[in-house]
């Protein structure tokens, strides 16, 4: 029972679902991923040019995916493979470069390999759609085994609260965490996007860090172009996704050490 409680506490810390207190805490950190890159040329290039370590999640086999990955890499940005996964909505096609229920073990490896060839310089993966397949431990375990073999991190976009992807990543030793907020939607106004950014800042201030996902919509890119240079004045720092995963790991390790020490003193 003690081990199970210890494991659950650690999992909550690593996912950022509970806060870490501390008077000497570093400034709150946020990471931002721009999803669905590879189709919209102008907005995609503007996303790549955003200031700071904004991560670029690129869908494989898209018209501009490879060139955007090259440009993002040249700019020092993280590149994620935005891997298509089967959703509950059967009207939304996954395509040949995605994972479906009938994808075999070897098929998962082939899909990941093809995606990495289509999108160069990848350092991590997050799911595009996936509200069905991320519920399935078998497929997610296969994927996490392959990510571990390729030293890639994983971000659960959380397209369903029933996702087991993050749990399977943890079990396979893959560096991973989950999205906290979506910053926009296709029909979101500038004011709505600004409110969601404020929610992201507030969450980071409470927990120490937060991860947001946005999309290359013109209004979203315009807001980020204006607001990201102002983060320092808000006491917020922008970090890479891998840095945010490491921060959550450090928080978890520190909190567990303090918890164990407190328990030993009683």
Protein backbone atom coordinates (compact mmCIF):
# COMPACT_ATOMS: atom_id res chain seq x y z
CA UNK A 1 0.00 0.00 0.00
CA UNK A 2 2.82 2.42 0.83
CA UNK A 3 4.51 1.77 -2.51
CA UNK A 4 1.25 2.34 -4.40
CA UNK A 5 0.67 5.66 -2.65
CA UNK A 6 4.27 6.67 -3.32
CA UNK A 7 3.88 5.83 -7.02
CA UNK A 8 0.59 7.77 -7.31
CA UNK A 9 2.06 10.83 -5.62
CA UNK A 10 5.07 10.75 -7.94
CA UNK A 11 2.84 10.42 -11.03
CA UNK A 12 0.81 13.48 -10.03
CA UNK A 13 3.98 15.48 -9.50
CA UNK A 14 5.44 14.52 -12.86
CA UNK A 15 2.28 15.40 -14.76
CA UNK A 16 2.00 18.77 -13.05
CA UNK A 17 -1.44 17.94 -11.67
CA UNK A 18 -0.53 19.02 -8.15
CA UNK A 19 1.39 22.08 -7.08
CA UNK A 20 4.82 22.34 -5.50
CA UNK A 21 5.29 24.97 -2.81
CA UNK A 22 8.50 26.69 -1.92
CA UNK A 23 9.65 30.19 -1.02
CA UNK A 24 12.75 29.97 -3.22
CA UNK A 25 10.96 28.69 -6.29
CA UNK A 26 12.23 29.86 -9.68
CA UNK A 27 10.05 32.13 -11.83
CA UNK A 28 7.03 30.33 -13.23
CA UNK A 29 7.77 28.58 -16.52
CA UNK A 30 5.57 27.89 -19.51
CA UNK A 31 6.14 25.84 -22.65
CA UNK A 32 4.08 26.30 -25.80
CA UNK A 33 3.61 23.88 -28.68
CA UNK A 34 2.22 24.99 -32.03
CA UNK A 35 0.32 21.99 -33.42
CA UNK A 36 -0.85 21.06 -36.92
CA UNK A 37 2.08 22.57 -38.81
CA UNK A 38 2.87 21.52 -42.36
CA UNK A 39 -0.16 22.75 -44.29
CA UNK A 40 -0.49 26.52 -43.87
CA UNK A 41 2.62 28.03 -45.43
CA UNK A 42 2.40 31.66 -44.26
CA UNK A 43 1.16 31.00 -40.74
CA UNK A 44 3.55 28.08 -40.41
CA UNK A 45 6.54 30.25 -41.23
CA UNK A 46 5.32 32.86 -38.75
CA UNK A 47 5.04 30.13 -36.10
CA UNK A 48 8.62 29.05 -36.77
CA UNK A 49 9.71 32.68 -36.41
CA UNK A 50 8.01 33.22 -33.03
CA UNK A 51 10.42 34.49 -30.36
CA UNK A 52 11.91 32.05 -27.90
CA UNK A 53 11.78 28.25 -27.63
CA UNK A 54 8.26 27.71 -28.96
CA UNK A 55 8.02 24.07 -30.08
CA UNK A 56 6.80 23.17 -33.55
CA UNK A 57 4.63 20.04 -33.92
CA UNK A 58 4.56 19.02 -37.57
CA UNK A 59 2.19 16.53 -39.19
CA UNK A 60 4.04 13.99 -41.35
CA UNK A 61 3.63 13.86 -45.12
CA UNK A 62 2.41 17.44 -45.44
CA UNK A 63 3.29 19.87 -48.26
CA UNK A 64 5.54 22.10 -46.14
CA UNK A 65 6.42 19.82 -43.24
CA UNK A 66 10.03 19.06 -44.16
CA UNK A 67 10.92 22.66 -45.02
CA UNK A 68 9.30 23.96 -41.82
CA UNK A 69 11.21 21.39 -39.78
CA UNK A 70 14.46 22.51 -41.39
CA UNK A 71 13.66 26.17 -40.71
CA UNK A 72 12.65 25.46 -37.11
CA UNK A 73 15.82 23.46 -36.53
CA UNK A 74 17.93 26.30 -37.96
CA UNK A 75 16.17 28.65 -35.53
CA UNK A 76 17.05 26.43 -32.57
CA UNK A 77 13.47 25.33 -31.95
CA UNK A 78 12.27 21.91 -30.82
CA UNK A 79 10.47 19.85 -33.44
CA UNK A 80 7.80 17.34 -32.52
CA UNK A 81 6.31 14.73 -34.80
CA UNK A 82 2.58 15.44 -34.58
CA UNK A 83 1.64 11.81 -35.08
CA UNK A 84 -1.88 11.09 -36.38
CA UNK A 85 -3.82 8.64 -34.20
CA UNK A 86 -7.29 7.24 -34.64
CA UNK A 87 -10.07 9.38 -33.11
CA UNK A 88 -13.53 8.35 -32.02
CA UNK A 89 -14.96 10.25 -34.99
CA UNK A 90 -14.75 7.79 -37.88
CA UNK A 91 -15.21 10.66 -40.35
CA UNK A 92 -11.75 12.00 -39.54
CA UNK A 93 -9.18 10.00 -41.53
CA UNK A 94 -5.88 9.00 -39.96
CA UNK A 95 -4.04 8.29 -43.18
CA UNK A 96 -1.17 5.95 -43.94
CA UNK A 97 1.21 7.72 -41.55
CA UNK A 98 -0.88 7.25 -38.44
CA UNK A 99 -1.75 4.63 -35.81
CA UNK A 100 -5.13 2.88 -35.92
CA UNK A 101 -6.70 -0.02 -34.07
CA UNK A 102 -5.66 -2.44 -36.80
CA UNK A 103 -2.04 -1.22 -36.83
CA UNK A 104 0.26 -4.09 -35.88
CA UNK A 105 3.33 -3.99 -33.66
CA UNK A 106 5.59 -3.78 -36.70
CA UNK A 107 3.21 -1.27 -38.20
CA UNK A 108 3.67 1.10 -35.25
CA UNK A 109 7.44 0.99 -35.73
CA UNK A 110 7.03 1.58 -39.47
CA UNK A 111 4.70 4.55 -38.91
CA UNK A 112 7.12 6.19 -36.50
CA UNK A 113 10.08 5.60 -38.81
CA UNK A 114 8.21 7.03 -41.80
CA UNK A 115 7.13 10.03 -39.75
CA UNK A 116 10.70 10.75 -38.68
CA UNK A 117 11.84 10.53 -42.30
CA UNK A 118 9.08 12.92 -43.35
CA UNK A 119 9.78 15.38 -40.51
CA UNK A 120 13.53 15.70 -39.86
CA UNK A 121 15.21 16.75 -36.59
CA UNK A 122 12.43 15.38 -34.37
CA UNK A 123 13.11 15.35 -30.62
CA UNK A 124 9.66 14.33 -29.42
CA UNK A 125 6.18 13.17 -30.38
CA UNK A 126 2.68 14.31 -29.53
CA UNK A 127 -0.62 12.92 -30.74
CA UNK A 128 -2.72 14.45 -33.50
CA UNK A 129 -6.32 13.43 -32.70
CA UNK A 130 -6.18 10.02 -30.96
CA UNK A 131 -9.28 10.09 -28.78
CA UNK A 132 -9.80 6.39 -29.58
CA UNK A 133 -6.33 4.86 -29.88
CA UNK A 134 -4.81 6.59 -26.84
CA UNK A 135 -7.26 4.58 -24.72
CA UNK A 136 -5.55 1.33 -25.75
CA UNK A 137 -2.59 0.24 -23.57
CA UNK A 138 -1.23 -2.21 -26.14
CA UNK A 139 -0.76 0.29 -28.97
CA UNK A 140 0.52 2.94 -26.60
CA UNK A 141 3.05 0.53 -25.08
CA UNK A 142 4.33 -0.37 -28.55
CA UNK A 143 4.72 3.30 -29.40
CA UNK A 144 6.49 4.11 -26.13
CA UNK A 145 8.94 1.26 -26.64
CA UNK A 146 9.86 2.77 -29.99
CA UNK A 147 10.14 6.29 -28.55
CA UNK A 148 12.48 4.97 -25.87
CA UNK A 149 14.61 3.29 -28.52
CA UNK A 150 14.88 6.60 -30.40
CA UNK A 151 15.41 8.80 -27.30
CA UNK A 152 12.25 10.78 -28.05
CA UNK A 153 9.99 12.38 -25.43
CA UNK A 154 6.20 12.20 -25.53
CA UNK A 155 3.50 14.78 -24.89
CA UNK A 156 -0.05 13.59 -24.38
CA UNK A 157 -2.25 16.17 -26.10
CA UNK A 158 -5.13 14.79 -23.97
CA UNK A 159 -7.78 14.59 -26.67
CA UNK A 160 -9.64 12.34 -24.22
CA UNK A 161 -9.46 12.15 -20.44
CA UNK A 162 -9.53 8.36 -20.88
CA UNK A 163 -6.06 8.40 -22.43
CA UNK A 164 -3.55 5.92 -21.03
CA UNK A 165 -0.70 7.21 -23.20
CA UNK A 166 1.09 9.05 -20.41
CA UNK A 167 0.83 6.09 -18.04
CA UNK A 168 2.30 3.80 -20.68
CA UNK A 169 5.11 6.30 -21.31
CA UNK A 170 5.93 6.29 -17.60
CA UNK A 171 5.97 2.50 -17.48
CA UNK A 172 8.41 2.35 -20.40
CA UNK A 173 10.72 5.02 -18.99
CA UNK A 174 9.95 7.61 -21.65
CA UNK A 175 10.37 11.28 -20.70
CA UNK A 176 6.81 12.54 -20.92
CA UNK A 177 4.12 14.86 -19.65
CA UNK A 178 0.68 16.11 -20.64
CA UNK A 179 -0.85 19.23 -22.08
CA UNK A 180 -2.47 21.51 -19.53
CA UNK A 181 -4.45 23.93 -21.71
CA UNK A 182 -5.43 24.53 -25.31
CA UNK A 183 -4.72 28.20 -25.92
CA UNK A 184 -7.05 28.58 -28.87
CA UNK A 185 -9.69 27.03 -31.10
CA UNK A 186 -10.43 27.60 -34.76
CA UNK A 187 -13.13 30.16 -34.03
CA UNK A 188 -11.49 31.81 -31.00
CA UNK A 189 -11.30 35.60 -30.95
CA UNK A 190 -8.26 37.57 -29.87
CA UNK A 191 -9.87 38.27 -26.49
CA UNK A 192 -10.56 34.57 -25.94
CA UNK A 193 -6.97 33.66 -26.77
CA UNK A 194 -5.69 36.35 -24.41
CA UNK A 195 -7.90 34.96 -21.62
CA UNK A 196 -6.55 31.47 -22.21
CA UNK A 197 -3.00 32.79 -22.08
CA UNK A 198 -3.83 34.42 -18.77
CA UNK A 199 -5.15 31.06 -17.56
CA UNK A 200 -1.85 29.46 -18.63
CA UNK A 201 0.16 32.09 -16.73
CA UNK A 202 -2.00 31.67 -13.63
CA UNK A 203 -1.63 27.90 -13.73
CA UNK A 204 2.15 28.21 -14.09
CA UNK A 205 2.25 30.60 -11.14
CA UNK A 206 0.33 28.13 -8.96
CA UNK A 207 2.16 24.97 -9.99
CA UNK A 208 5.53 26.34 -11.05
CA UNK A 209 5.03 25.50 -14.73
CA UNK A 210 2.37 24.86 -17.37
CA UNK A 211 2.18 23.53 -20.91
CA UNK A 212 -0.10 25.03 -23.55
CA UNK A 213 -0.91 23.97 -27.09
CA UNK A 214 -1.89 26.41 -29.83
CA UNK A 215 -2.47 26.21 -33.58
CA UNK A 216 -1.29 28.22 -36.58
CA UNK A 217 -4.43 30.31 -36.93
CA UNK A 218 -3.69 33.89 -38.02
CA UNK A 219 -5.21 35.46 -34.90
CA UNK A 220 -3.31 33.06 -32.60
CA UNK A 221 0.02 33.80 -34.27
CA UNK A 222 -0.63 37.55 -34.11
CA UNK A 223 -1.38 37.34 -30.37
CA UNK A 224 1.73 35.27 -29.65
CA UNK A 225 3.94 37.56 -31.73
CA UNK A 226 2.80 40.44 -29.52
CA UNK A 227 2.58 38.73 -26.13
CA UNK A 228 5.63 36.45 -25.97
CA UNK A 229 8.15 39.32 -25.80
CA UNK A 230 6.23 40.61 -22.74
CA UNK A 231 6.56 37.44 -20.67
CA UNK A 232 9.52 38.69 -18.62
CA UNK A 233 7.48 41.67 -17.40
CA UNK A 234 4.89 39.19 -16.13
CA UNK A 235 7.45 37.18 -14.21
CA UNK A 236 7.04 34.27 -16.61
CA UNK A 237 9.81 32.47 -18.50
CA UNK A 238 9.37 30.53 -21.71
CA UNK A 239 11.17 27.17 -21.78
CA UNK A 240 11.46 24.31 -24.22
CA UNK A 241 9.24 21.26 -23.84
CA UNK A 242 12.15 19.06 -22.82
CA UNK A 243 13.12 21.68 -20.21
CA UNK A 244 9.57 21.66 -18.85
CA UNK A 245 9.64 17.86 -18.57
CA UNK A 246 12.95 18.15 -16.70
CA UNK A 247 11.51 20.83 -14.39
CA UNK A 248 8.62 18.56 -13.49
CA UNK A 249 11.06 15.73 -12.84
CA UNK A 250 13.12 17.96 -10.55
CA UNK A 251 9.98 19.07 -8.71
CA UNK A 252 8.90 15.47 -8.27
CA UNK A 253 12.30 14.35 -7.00
CA UNK A 254 12.55 17.29 -4.59
CA UNK A 255 9.04 16.89 -3.24
CA UNK A 256 9.46 13.15 -2.76
CA UNK A 257 12.76 13.66 -0.94
CA UNK A 258 11.11 16.21 1.36
CA UNK A 259 8.09 13.95 1.86
CA UNK A 260 10.25 10.96 2.72
CA UNK A 261 12.37 13.04 5.10
CA UNK A 262 9.25 14.36 6.83
CA UNK A 263 7.88 10.85 7.16
CA UNK A 264 11.15 9.55 8.61
CA UNK A 265 11.17 12.26 11.28
CA UNK A 266 7.82 11.12 12.71
